[in-house]
Amino acid sequence: MQVRTTIESQWPELGFYNLASLSNEITEDTSEVGDDLDGLTDLVRDLSQAAQLAATDPTGGLSWLRFTAETHWGDLVNDLISHLNYVIA
């Protein structure tokens, strides 16, 4: 939880948002909710694990990166980019 707390203290405007509208306004009609803080936390953890693994097994580190990108944070990155563009605009 420390990673999330650190990220949240730096960028409090990130967090839960409506995936359809990209707005931070969540209503009972909201069908999908994104969470930038969760996505960034997952990215930091997966990249850290890959780096630790690569220190002793470079091929294993790359395999871990590919696996986590394909199965988990690949979509998170796309959602994060969309929401950051909305927040910054």
C-alpha atoms as a PDB file:
ATOM      1  CA  MET A   1       0.000   0.000   0.000  1.00  0.00           C
ATOM      2  CA  GLN A   2       2.979   2.319   0.457  1.00  0.00           C
ATOM      3  CA  VAL A   3       3.493   2.667  -3.306  1.00  0.00           C
ATOM      4  CA  ARG A   4      -0.122   3.756  -3.815  1.00  0.00           C
ATOM      5  CA  THR A   5       0.111   6.241  -0.934  1.00  0.00           C
ATOM      6  CA  THR A   6       3.293   7.747  -2.372  1.00  0.00           C
ATOM      7  CA  ILE A   7       1.747   8.132  -5.826  1.00  0.00           C
ATOM      8  CA  GLU A   8      -1.464   9.560  -4.368  1.00  0.00           C
ATOM      9  CA  SER A   9       0.445  12.164  -2.348  1.00  0.00           C
ATOM     10  CA  GLN A  10       2.173  13.349  -5.534  1.00  0.00           C
ATOM     11  CA  TRP A  11      -0.915  13.365  -7.770  1.00  0.00           C
ATOM     12  CA  PRO A  12      -4.095  13.624  -5.667  1.00  0.00           C
ATOM     13  CA  GLU A  13      -6.154  14.431  -8.781  1.00  0.00           C
ATOM     14  CA  LEU A  14      -5.694  10.850  -9.970  1.00  0.00           C
ATOM     15  CA  GLY A  15      -7.733   7.963  -8.641  1.00  0.00           C
ATOM     16  CA  PHE A  16     -11.196   6.685  -9.436  1.00  0.00           C
ATOM     17  CA  TYR A  17     -12.898   7.927 -12.594  1.00  0.00           C
ATOM     18  CA  ASN A  18     -15.673   7.039 -15.020  1.00  0.00           C
ATOM     19  CA  LEU A  19     -14.062   5.050 -17.872  1.00  0.00           C
ATOM     20  CA  ALA A  20     -16.690   6.152 -20.400  1.00  0.00           C
ATOM     21  CA  SER A  21     -16.560   9.912 -19.763  1.00  0.00           C
ATOM     22  CA  LEU A  22     -13.077  10.054 -18.144  1.00  0.00           C
ATOM     23  CA  SER A  23     -14.604  12.357 -15.539  1.00  0.00           C
ATOM     24  CA  ASN A  24     -13.901  11.881 -11.835  1.00  0.00           C
ATOM     25  CA  GLU A  25     -17.667  12.008 -11.310  1.00  0.00           C
ATOM     26  CA  ILE A  26     -18.942   8.525 -10.452  1.00  0.00           C
ATOM     27  CA  THR A  27     -22.707   8.103 -10.425  1.00  0.00           C
ATOM     28  CA  GLU A  28     -25.065   5.149 -10.057  1.00  0.00           C
ATOM     29  CA  ASP A  29     -25.234   5.083 -13.872  1.00  0.00           C
ATOM     30  CA  THR A  30     -21.479   4.610 -14.189  1.00  0.00           C
ATOM     31  CA  SER A  31     -20.898   1.180 -15.682  1.00  0.00           C
ATOM     32  CA  GLU A  32     -17.083   1.023 -15.581  1.00  0.00           C
ATOM     33  CA  VAL A  33     -14.723   2.672 -13.113  1.00  0.00           C
ATOM     34  CA  GLY A  34     -11.020   3.193 -13.681  1.00  0.00           C
ATOM     35  CA  ASP A  35      -8.407   3.782 -10.995  1.00  0.00           C
ATOM     36  CA  ASP A  36      -5.184   5.478 -12.056  1.00  0.00           C
ATOM     37  CA  LEU A  37      -3.596   4.952  -8.652  1.00  0.00           C
ATOM     38  CA  ASP A  38      -4.182   1.208  -8.833  1.00  0.00           C
ATOM     39  CA  GLY A  39      -2.808   1.077 -12.373  1.00  0.00           C
ATOM     40  CA  LEU A  40       0.322   3.027 -11.507  1.00  0.00           C
ATOM     41  CA  THR A  41       0.860   0.937  -8.384  1.00  0.00           C
ATOM     42  CA  ASP A  42       0.590  -2.265 -10.406  1.00  0.00           C
ATOM     43  CA  LEU A  43       3.043  -0.927 -12.995  1.00  0.00           C
ATOM     44  CA  VAL A  44       5.610  -0.005 -10.348  1.00  0.00           C
ATOM     45  CA  ARG A  45       5.320  -3.400  -8.682  1.00  0.00           C
ATOM     46  CA  ASP A  46       5.512  -5.399 -11.926  1.00  0.00           C
ATOM     47  CA  LEU A  47       8.460  -3.380 -13.250  1.00  0.00           C
ATOM     48  CA  SER A  48      10.257  -3.745  -9.912  1.00  0.00           C
ATOM     49  CA  GLN A  49       9.713  -7.504  -9.949  1.00  0.00           C
ATOM     50  CA  ALA A  50      11.009  -7.698 -13.519  1.00  0.00           C
ATOM     51  CA  ALA A  51      14.131  -5.724 -12.597  1.00  0.00           C
ATOM     52  CA  GLN A  52      14.791  -7.945  -9.573  1.00  0.00           C
ATOM     53  CA  LEU A  53      14.341 -11.071 -11.663  1.00  0.00           C
ATOM     54  CA  ALA A  54      16.530  -9.687 -14.454  1.00  0.00           C
ATOM     55  CA  ALA A  55      19.401  -9.238 -12.002  1.00  0.00           C
ATOM     56  CA  THR A  56      19.766 -13.021 -11.836  1.00  0.00           C
ATOM     57  CA  ASP A  57      17.861 -14.126 -14.943  1.00  0.00           C
ATOM     58  CA  PRO A  58      17.716 -11.522 -17.743  1.00  0.00           C
ATOM     59  CA  THR A  59      15.561 -13.716 -19.974  1.00  0.00           C
ATOM     60  CA  GLY A  60      13.187 -14.398 -17.102  1.00  0.00           C
ATOM     61  CA  GLY A  61      12.916 -10.651 -16.427  1.00  0.00           C
ATOM     62  CA  LEU A  62      11.960  -9.974 -20.035  1.00  0.00           C
ATOM     63  CA  SER A  63       9.506 -12.866 -20.005  1.00  0.00           C
ATOM     64  CA  TRP A  64       7.892 -11.451 -16.875  1.00  0.00           C
ATOM     65  CA  LEU A  65       7.587  -8.024 -18.525  1.00  0.00           C
ATOM     66  CA  ARG A  66       5.970  -9.503 -21.615  1.00  0.00           C
ATOM     67  CA  PHE A  67       3.605 -11.669 -19.574  1.00  0.00           C
ATOM     68  CA  THR A  68       2.453  -8.859 -17.280  1.00  0.00           C
ATOM     69  CA  ALA A  69       2.093  -6.425 -20.202  1.00  0.00           C
ATOM     70  CA  GLU A  70      -0.037  -8.872 -22.168  1.00  0.00           C
ATOM     71  CA  THR A  71      -2.162 -10.096 -19.288  1.00  0.00           C
ATOM     72  CA  HIS A  72      -2.439  -7.143 -16.972  1.00  0.00           C
ATOM     73  CA  TRP A  73      -1.059  -3.673 -17.381  1.00  0.00           C
ATOM     74  CA  GLY A  74      -1.167  -3.291 -21.150  1.00  0.00           C
ATOM     75  CA  ASP A  75      -4.798  -2.168 -20.903  1.00  0.00           C
ATOM     76  CA  LEU A  76      -4.049  -0.172 -17.756  1.00  0.00           C
ATOM     77  CA  VAL A  77      -1.505   1.915 -19.674  1.00  0.00           C
ATOM     78  CA  ASN A  78      -4.007   2.711 -22.428  1.00  0.00           C
ATOM     79  CA  ASP A  79      -6.646   3.726 -19.869  1.00  0.00           C
ATOM     80  CA  LEU A  80      -4.087   5.773 -17.948  1.00  0.00           C
ATOM     81  CA  ILE A  81      -2.981   7.658 -21.065  1.00  0.00           C
ATOM     82  CA  SER A  82      -6.594   8.468 -21.953  1.00  0.00           C
ATOM     83  CA  HIS A  83      -7.370   9.723 -18.459  1.00  0.00           C
ATOM     84  CA  LEU A  84      -4.143  11.724 -18.156  1.00  0.00           C
ATOM     85  CA  ASN A  85      -4.927  13.466 -21.451  1.00  0.00           C
ATOM     86  CA  TYR A  86      -8.360  14.323 -20.041  1.00  0.00           C
ATOM     87  CA  VAL A  87      -6.980  15.555 -16.695  1.00  0.00           C
ATOM     88  CA  ILE A  88      -4.230  17.660 -18.258  1.00  0.00           C
ATOM     89  CA  ALA A  89      -6.380  19.191 -21.033  1.00  0.00           C
END
